Protein backbone atom coordinates (compact mmCIF):
# COMPACT_ATOMS: atom_id res chain seq x y z
CA UNK A 1 -37.09 28.64 -32.28
CA UNK A 2 -33.75 30.28 -31.70
CA UNK A 3 -33.26 32.15 -28.44
CA UNK A 4 -32.48 35.75 -29.40
CA UNK A 5 -31.38 36.55 -25.86
CA UNK A 6 -28.26 34.37 -26.17
CA UNK A 7 -25.09 36.18 -27.31
CA UNK A 8 -24.07 35.47 -30.84
CA UNK A 9 -20.86 33.48 -31.27
CA UNK A 10 -18.68 34.89 -34.08
CA UNK A 11 -17.81 32.26 -36.63
CA UNK A 12 -14.20 31.19 -36.94
CA UNK A 13 -12.53 32.40 -40.08
CA UNK A 14 -9.85 30.63 -42.04
CA UNK A 15 -7.65 33.74 -41.71
CA UNK A 16 -7.29 33.59 -37.91
CA UNK A 17 -4.36 31.11 -37.80
CA UNK A 18 -2.57 33.05 -40.54
CA UNK A 19 -3.04 36.32 -38.67
CA UNK A 20 -1.75 34.74 -35.47
CA UNK A 21 1.28 33.41 -37.32
CA UNK A 22 1.97 36.84 -38.82
CA UNK A 23 1.84 38.39 -35.34
CA UNK A 24 4.26 35.78 -34.00
CA UNK A 25 6.70 36.37 -36.86
CA UNK A 26 6.43 40.14 -36.40
CA UNK A 27 7.18 39.70 -32.70
CA UNK A 28 10.21 37.56 -33.55
CA UNK A 29 11.48 40.18 -36.01
CA UNK A 30 11.02 42.93 -33.42
CA UNK A 31 12.75 40.86 -30.74
CA UNK A 32 15.73 40.15 -32.96
CA UNK A 33 15.93 43.82 -34.00
CA UNK A 34 16.11 44.94 -30.37
CA UNK A 35 18.66 42.21 -29.65
CA UNK A 36 20.90 43.33 -32.52
CA UNK A 37 20.88 46.95 -31.33
CA UNK A 38 21.62 45.81 -27.77
CA UNK A 39 24.57 43.75 -29.03
CA UNK A 40 26.21 46.86 -30.49
CA UNK A 41 25.38 48.96 -27.42
CA UNK A 42 26.95 46.32 -25.14
CA UNK A 43 30.10 46.07 -27.32
CA UNK A 44 29.39 42.47 -28.32
CA UNK A 45 29.64 43.00 -32.08
CA UNK A 46 32.83 40.90 -32.31
CA UNK A 47 31.02 37.96 -30.71
CA UNK A 48 28.11 38.39 -33.14
CA UNK A 49 30.40 38.44 -36.18
CA UNK A 50 32.25 35.36 -34.91
CA UNK A 51 28.98 33.56 -34.26
CA UNK A 52 27.56 34.37 -37.68
CA UNK A 53 30.83 33.24 -39.31
CA UNK A 54 30.73 29.90 -37.48
CA UNK A 55 27.02 29.49 -38.25
CA UNK A 56 27.53 30.17 -41.97
CA UNK A 57 30.66 28.00 -42.24
CA UNK A 58 28.95 25.03 -40.58
CA UNK A 59 25.92 25.29 -42.85
CA UNK A 60 28.09 25.63 -45.99
CA UNK A 61 30.32 22.69 -45.03
CA UNK A 62 27.30 20.58 -44.13
CA UNK A 63 25.73 21.25 -47.55
CA UNK A 64 28.91 20.08 -49.26
CA UNK A 65 29.20 16.92 -47.16
CA UNK A 66 25.55 15.99 -47.72
CA UNK A 67 26.46 15.21 -51.33
CA UNK A 68 28.75 12.40 -50.16
CA UNK A 69 27.19 11.07 -46.92
CA UNK A 70 23.88 10.87 -45.02
CA UNK A 71 22.48 14.05 -43.47
CA UNK A 72 23.19 13.13 -39.83
CA UNK A 73 26.76 12.11 -40.65
CA UNK A 74 27.33 15.31 -42.60
CA UNK A 75 26.02 17.34 -39.69
CA UNK A 76 28.29 15.66 -37.13
CA UNK A 77 31.33 15.60 -39.41
CA UNK A 78 31.07 19.30 -40.26
CA UNK A 79 30.83 20.19 -36.57
CA UNK A 80 33.82 18.01 -35.71
CA UNK A 81 35.94 19.48 -38.51
CA UNK A 82 35.17 23.08 -37.54
CA UNK A 83 35.72 22.37 -33.85
CA UNK A 84 39.08 20.77 -34.68
CA UNK A 85 40.01 23.77 -36.83
CA UNK A 86 39.10 26.13 -34.00
CA UNK A 87 41.20 24.23 -31.48
CA UNK A 88 44.08 24.10 -33.97
CA UNK A 89 43.96 27.87 -34.54
CA UNK A 90 43.96 28.54 -30.80
CA UNK A 91 46.91 26.18 -30.31
CA UNK A 92 48.87 27.83 -33.13
CA UNK A 93 48.13 31.28 -31.71
CA UNK A 94 49.33 30.25 -28.25
CA UNK A 95 52.42 28.63 -29.74
CA UNK A 96 53.22 31.76 -31.72
CA UNK A 97 52.71 33.90 -28.63
CA UNK A 98 55.11 31.67 -26.70
CA UNK A 99 57.72 32.01 -29.46
CA UNK A 100 57.40 35.78 -29.40
CA UNK A 101 57.76 35.81 -25.61
CA UNK A 102 60.87 33.64 -25.71
CA UNK A 103 62.29 35.73 -28.54
CA UNK A 104 61.92 38.89 -26.47
CA UNK A 105 65.39 38.49 -24.90
CA UNK A 106 67.50 41.51 -23.93
CA UNK A 107 69.72 41.01 -26.99
CA UNK A 108 66.79 40.92 -29.41
CA UNK A 109 65.18 43.94 -27.78
CA UNK A 110 68.46 45.83 -28.00
CA UNK A 111 68.73 44.96 -31.70
CA UNK A 112 65.17 46.13 -32.24
CA UNK A 113 65.86 49.41 -30.45
CA UNK A 114 69.01 49.91 -32.55
CA UNK A 115 67.06 49.30 -35.77
CA UNK A 116 64.39 51.79 -34.71
CA UNK A 117 67.05 54.32 -33.75
CA UNK A 118 68.73 53.95 -37.16
CA UNK A 119 65.39 54.56 -38.86
CA UNK A 120 64.78 57.63 -36.70
CA UNK A 121 68.29 58.88 -37.42
CA UNK A 122 67.57 58.64 -41.14
CA UNK A 123 64.29 60.44 -40.52
CA UNK A 124 66.03 63.31 -38.74
CA UNK A 125 68.04 64.16 -41.85
CA UNK A 126 64.86 64.91 -43.79
CA UNK A 127 62.92 66.77 -41.11
CA UNK A 128 63.12 70.51 -40.41
CA UNK A 129 65.65 71.37 -37.64
CA UNK A 130 62.94 72.52 -35.19
CA UNK A 131 61.24 69.14 -35.51
CA UNK A 132 64.38 66.98 -35.79
CA UNK A 133 65.56 68.11 -32.33
CA UNK A 134 62.63 66.29 -30.74
CA UNK A 135 63.41 62.94 -32.42
CA UNK A 136 65.54 60.51 -30.31
CA UNK A 137 68.71 59.45 -32.11
CA UNK A 138 70.13 56.62 -29.97
CA UNK A 139 68.81 53.39 -28.48
CA UNK A 140 69.28 54.81 -24.98
CA UNK A 141 67.25 57.93 -25.81
CA UNK A 142 64.58 55.84 -27.49
CA UNK A 143 64.44 53.52 -24.49
CA UNK A 144 64.10 56.50 -22.17
CA UNK A 145 61.25 57.97 -24.22
CA UNK A 146 59.46 54.60 -24.32
CA UNK A 147 59.87 54.09 -20.56
CA UNK A 148 58.56 57.58 -19.83
CA UNK A 149 55.55 57.04 -22.09
CA UNK A 150 54.76 53.72 -20.40
CA UNK A 151 54.93 55.29 -16.94
CA UNK A 152 52.62 58.12 -17.96
CA UNK A 153 50.14 55.84 -19.72
CA UNK A 154 50.28 52.72 -17.55
CA UNK A 155 46.54 52.81 -16.84
CA UNK A 156 45.66 53.11 -20.54
CA UNK A 157 48.05 50.27 -21.48
CA UNK A 158 46.47 48.03 -18.84
CA UNK A 159 43.01 48.95 -20.11
CA UNK A 160 44.04 48.06 -23.69
CA UNK A 161 45.29 44.71 -22.47
CA UNK A 162 42.02 44.04 -20.66
CA UNK A 163 40.05 44.98 -23.77
CA UNK A 164 42.19 42.68 -25.92
CA UNK A 165 41.68 39.75 -23.52
CA UNK A 166 37.94 40.43 -23.31
CA UNK A 167 37.76 40.62 -27.11
CA UNK A 168 39.47 37.23 -27.40
CA UNK A 169 36.97 35.72 -24.95
CA UNK A 170 34.06 37.24 -26.88
CA UNK A 171 35.50 35.88 -30.12
CA UNK A 172 35.79 32.32 -28.80
CA UNK A 173 32.36 32.47 -27.15
CA UNK A 174 30.79 33.73 -30.37
CA UNK A 175 32.37 30.93 -32.39
CA UNK A 176 31.09 28.31 -29.94
CA UNK A 177 27.58 29.78 -29.86
CA UNK A 178 27.43 29.97 -33.65
CA UNK A 179 28.48 26.34 -34.04
CA UNK A 180 25.97 25.14 -31.45
CA UNK A 181 23.17 27.22 -32.99
CA UNK A 182 23.83 25.75 -36.43
CA UNK A 183 24.18 22.20 -35.06
CA UNK A 184 20.85 22.36 -33.22
CA UNK A 185 19.12 21.50 -36.49
CA UNK A 186 17.06 23.04 -39.26
CA UNK A 187 13.83 21.18 -38.45
CA UNK A 188 12.30 22.24 -35.18
CA UNK A 189 10.35 19.66 -33.11
CA UNK A 190 6.64 19.62 -33.88
CA UNK A 191 5.72 20.50 -30.31
CA UNK A 192 8.04 23.50 -30.04
CA UNK A 193 6.47 26.90 -29.50
CA UNK A 194 5.63 28.82 -32.64
CA UNK A 195 7.63 31.84 -31.44
CA UNK A 196 10.81 29.78 -31.08
CA UNK A 197 10.38 28.38 -34.58
CA UNK A 198 9.86 31.92 -35.90
CA UNK A 199 12.92 33.09 -33.91
CA UNK A 200 15.10 30.43 -35.52
CA UNK A 201 13.82 31.41 -38.96
CA UNK A 202 14.88 34.99 -38.22
CA UNK A 203 18.37 33.77 -37.31
CA UNK A 204 18.57 31.93 -40.63
CA UNK A 205 17.64 35.15 -42.45
CA UNK A 206 20.28 37.03 -40.47
CA UNK A 207 22.88 34.43 -41.49
CA UNK A 208 21.85 34.78 -45.15
CA UNK A 209 22.17 38.57 -44.92
CA UNK A 210 25.62 38.13 -43.36
CA UNK A 211 26.70 35.87 -46.24
CA UNK A 212 25.54 38.52 -48.72
CA UNK A 213 27.64 41.16 -46.96
CA UNK A 214 30.70 38.88 -46.84
CA UNK A 215 30.39 38.20 -50.60
CA UNK A 216 30.17 41.94 -51.26
CA UNK A 217 33.09 42.62 -48.90
CA UNK A 218 35.23 40.11 -50.81
CA UNK A 219 34.67 42.09 -54.00
CA UNK A 220 35.43 45.34 -52.18
CA UNK A 221 38.66 43.87 -50.80
CA UNK A 222 39.76 42.80 -54.28
CA UNK A 223 39.19 46.33 -55.65
CA UNK A 224 40.99 47.91 -52.69
CA UNK A 225 43.90 45.49 -53.07
CA UNK A 226 44.18 46.29 -56.79
CA UNK A 227 44.40 50.04 -56.08
CA UNK A 228 46.97 49.46 -53.33
CA UNK A 229 49.07 47.16 -55.52
CA UNK A 230 49.19 49.79 -58.28
CA UNK A 231 50.39 52.36 -55.77
CA UNK A 232 52.92 50.22 -53.86
CA UNK A 233 54.30 48.21 -56.77
CA UNK A 234 54.00 50.81 -59.52
CA UNK A 235 53.78 54.43 -58.38
CA UNK A 236 56.18 54.25 -55.41
CA UNK A 237 59.07 52.64 -57.37
CA UNK A 238 58.44 55.07 -60.25
CA UNK A 239 59.00 57.95 -57.82
CA UNK A 240 62.40 56.51 -56.86
CA UNK A 241 61.47 55.05 -53.47
CA UNK A 242 62.13 51.48 -52.38
CA UNK A 243 59.41 50.45 -49.94
CA UNK A 244 60.28 47.25 -48.03
CA UNK A 245 57.71 44.45 -47.69
CA UNK A 246 55.57 45.82 -50.53
CA UNK A 247 54.24 42.37 -51.42
CA UNK A 248 53.45 41.64 -47.78
CA UNK A 249 51.60 44.94 -47.46
CA UNK A 250 49.48 44.07 -50.50
CA UNK A 251 48.62 40.69 -48.91
CA UNK A 252 47.76 42.40 -45.62
CA UNK A 253 45.51 44.81 -47.50
CA UNK A 254 43.53 41.93 -49.02
CA UNK A 255 43.14 39.96 -45.78
CA UNK A 256 42.36 43.01 -43.64
CA UNK A 257 39.98 44.31 -46.32
CA UNK A 258 37.65 41.39 -45.58
CA UNK A 259 36.81 43.17 -42.31
CA UNK A 260 34.52 46.16 -42.95
CA UNK A 261 35.97 49.58 -42.01
CA UNK A 262 38.41 48.29 -39.38
CA UNK A 263 40.37 46.32 -41.97
CA UNK A 264 41.14 49.47 -43.93
CA UNK A 265 42.43 51.16 -40.78
CA UNK A 266 44.80 48.25 -40.11
CA UNK A 267 46.21 48.10 -43.65
CA UNK A 268 46.48 51.88 -43.97
CA UNK A 269 48.36 52.17 -40.68
CA UNK A 270 50.83 49.49 -41.76
CA UNK A 271 51.45 51.22 -45.11
CA UNK A 272 51.94 54.70 -43.61
CA UNK A 273 54.29 53.47 -40.87
CA UNK A 274 56.38 51.50 -43.37
CA UNK A 275 56.52 54.56 -45.63
CA UNK A 276 57.60 56.71 -42.68
CA UNK A 277 60.70 54.54 -42.19
CA UNK A 278 61.71 55.24 -45.79
CA UNK A 279 60.87 58.94 -45.97
CA UNK A 280 58.45 61.37 -44.28
CA UNK A 281 57.54 62.69 -47.74
CA UNK A 282 56.61 59.17 -48.85
CA UNK A 283 54.57 58.77 -45.67
CA UNK A 284 52.64 61.95 -46.41
CA UNK A 285 52.13 60.85 -50.03
CA UNK A 286 50.90 57.44 -48.88
CA UNK A 287 48.54 59.03 -46.38
CA UNK A 288 47.14 61.40 -49.02
CA UNK A 289 46.72 58.55 -51.52
CA UNK A 290 44.97 56.27 -49.02
CA UNK A 291 42.66 59.00 -47.75
CA UNK A 292 41.67 59.92 -51.30
CA UNK A 293 41.13 56.33 -52.38
CA UNK A 294 39.07 55.40 -49.34
CA UNK A 295 36.90 58.51 -49.56
CA UNK A 296 36.05 57.32 -53.08
CA UNK A 297 35.63 53.73 -51.90
CA UNK A 298 33.24 54.80 -49.14
CA UNK A 299 30.61 55.45 -51.82
CA UNK A 300 31.82 52.54 -53.97
CA UNK A 301 31.40 50.18 -51.01
CA UNK A 302 27.87 51.39 -50.42
CA UNK A 303 27.09 50.83 -54.11
CA UNK A 304 28.55 47.30 -54.17
CA UNK A 305 26.88 46.22 -50.93
CA UNK A 306 23.63 47.92 -51.91
CA UNK A 307 23.60 46.09 -55.24
CA UNK A 308 24.20 42.76 -53.50
CA UNK A 309 21.36 43.22 -51.00
CA UNK A 310 19.14 45.01 -53.54
CA UNK A 311 18.78 48.37 -51.80
CA UNK A 312 19.60 51.88 -53.11
CA UNK A 313 23.01 53.25 -52.22
CA UNK A 314 21.58 56.26 -50.41
CA UNK A 315 19.57 54.01 -48.07
CA UNK A 316 22.65 52.07 -47.03
CA UNK A 317 24.64 55.27 -46.56
CA UNK A 318 21.84 56.66 -44.40
CA UNK A 319 21.80 53.48 -42.29
CA UNK A 320 25.59 53.64 -41.85
CA UNK A 321 25.38 57.31 -40.87
CA UNK A 322 22.58 56.67 -38.38
CA UNK A 323 24.27 53.75 -36.64
CA UNK A 324 27.62 55.56 -36.65
CA UNK A 325 26.01 58.50 -34.85
CA UNK A 326 24.42 56.12 -32.34
CA UNK A 327 27.23 53.62 -31.73
CA UNK A 328 30.41 54.98 -33.31
CA UNK A 329 32.71 52.86 -35.47
CA UNK A 330 30.96 49.63 -34.45
CA UNK A 331 27.75 51.03 -35.91
CA UNK A 332 29.41 51.52 -39.31
CA UNK A 333 30.51 47.87 -39.29
CA UNK A 334 27.11 46.59 -38.18
CA UNK A 335 24.96 48.80 -40.44
CA UNK A 336 25.31 46.81 -43.72
CA UNK A 337 24.55 43.50 -41.98
CA UNK A 338 21.61 44.86 -40.02
CA UNK A 339 20.09 46.68 -42.97
CA UNK A 340 20.54 43.65 -45.23
CA UNK A 341 18.69 41.51 -42.67
CA UNK A 342 15.89 44.04 -42.21
CA UNK A 343 15.28 44.41 -45.94
CA UNK A 344 15.22 40.60 -46.33
CA UNK A 345 12.55 40.36 -43.66
CA UNK A 346 10.46 43.16 -45.18
CA UNK A 347 10.78 41.57 -48.60
CA UNK A 348 9.71 38.14 -47.29
CA UNK A 349 6.61 39.61 -45.67
CA UNK A 350 5.70 41.65 -48.76
CA UNK A 351 6.31 45.04 -47.13
CA UNK A 352 8.72 46.14 -49.89
């Protein structure tokens, strides 16, 4: 007869392993979410973008090479090619920096100051008298103004230099980490902890979300470049202005447009400054045109990215607004990537 005094042992259900796996995956998603927010708060977004770029490039190149060689060979070859490309880019950058340093002789600097003074002298003829009196008109006056500004802002200039050097280090570190993370393999060892396998799966989803955003950003850059080309190559000449380097500015707009938000700031600054050399009225027209276009593109970008990642435009705008309020400009850059990743995870787990 059974002993009714003994505690009953609950039977094992077939759902227990699945529930445990769901909890592990949820923990991995939460851990990665906290990590992504910490990355922005610690100003490491550049390293994250570099790492995701290296991760995605290695995976894409490996897929292409697998069609022509064994998997292990494709994996090693893709890593070697990308590492060689990285070293080559660093060497070219250092070589270019050396050339610029050697070119910065007193004669070349004097010629540059004279060119800037000539441009400012032309600018003075179009400005009101009360404003033209404050514009330097000779290389000596321009040199004096520049020296005074450097003395008054020496600490800020040094800080900018430190930030630029730190950004370069973060960029290189991110590229190396991304390559190593991709090279570590798709198939985790059988004995590896379930959380680490779930963590790597989350990284793969983050990389896929990043690729979606890059594809959408390419389309955005093409649209932005088309608008800019119409203005620089069509409207400006029709108004009787000759803007130098118009073709180069269009190319800069396309390349810089691949970088969310910050790219537009770079290209817009270059266009306005070049327009200022020609005429202050053209500079104001360029500024008004660019502000108007990019206010329109702010919503167009959200629509294009939202369509790519299959979320409503208002949700993406809300995410961009929230992260901008929390982290500033870096939050605007990170928001599309983060929200694309989060919606992928929710969709995978049937939450949306």
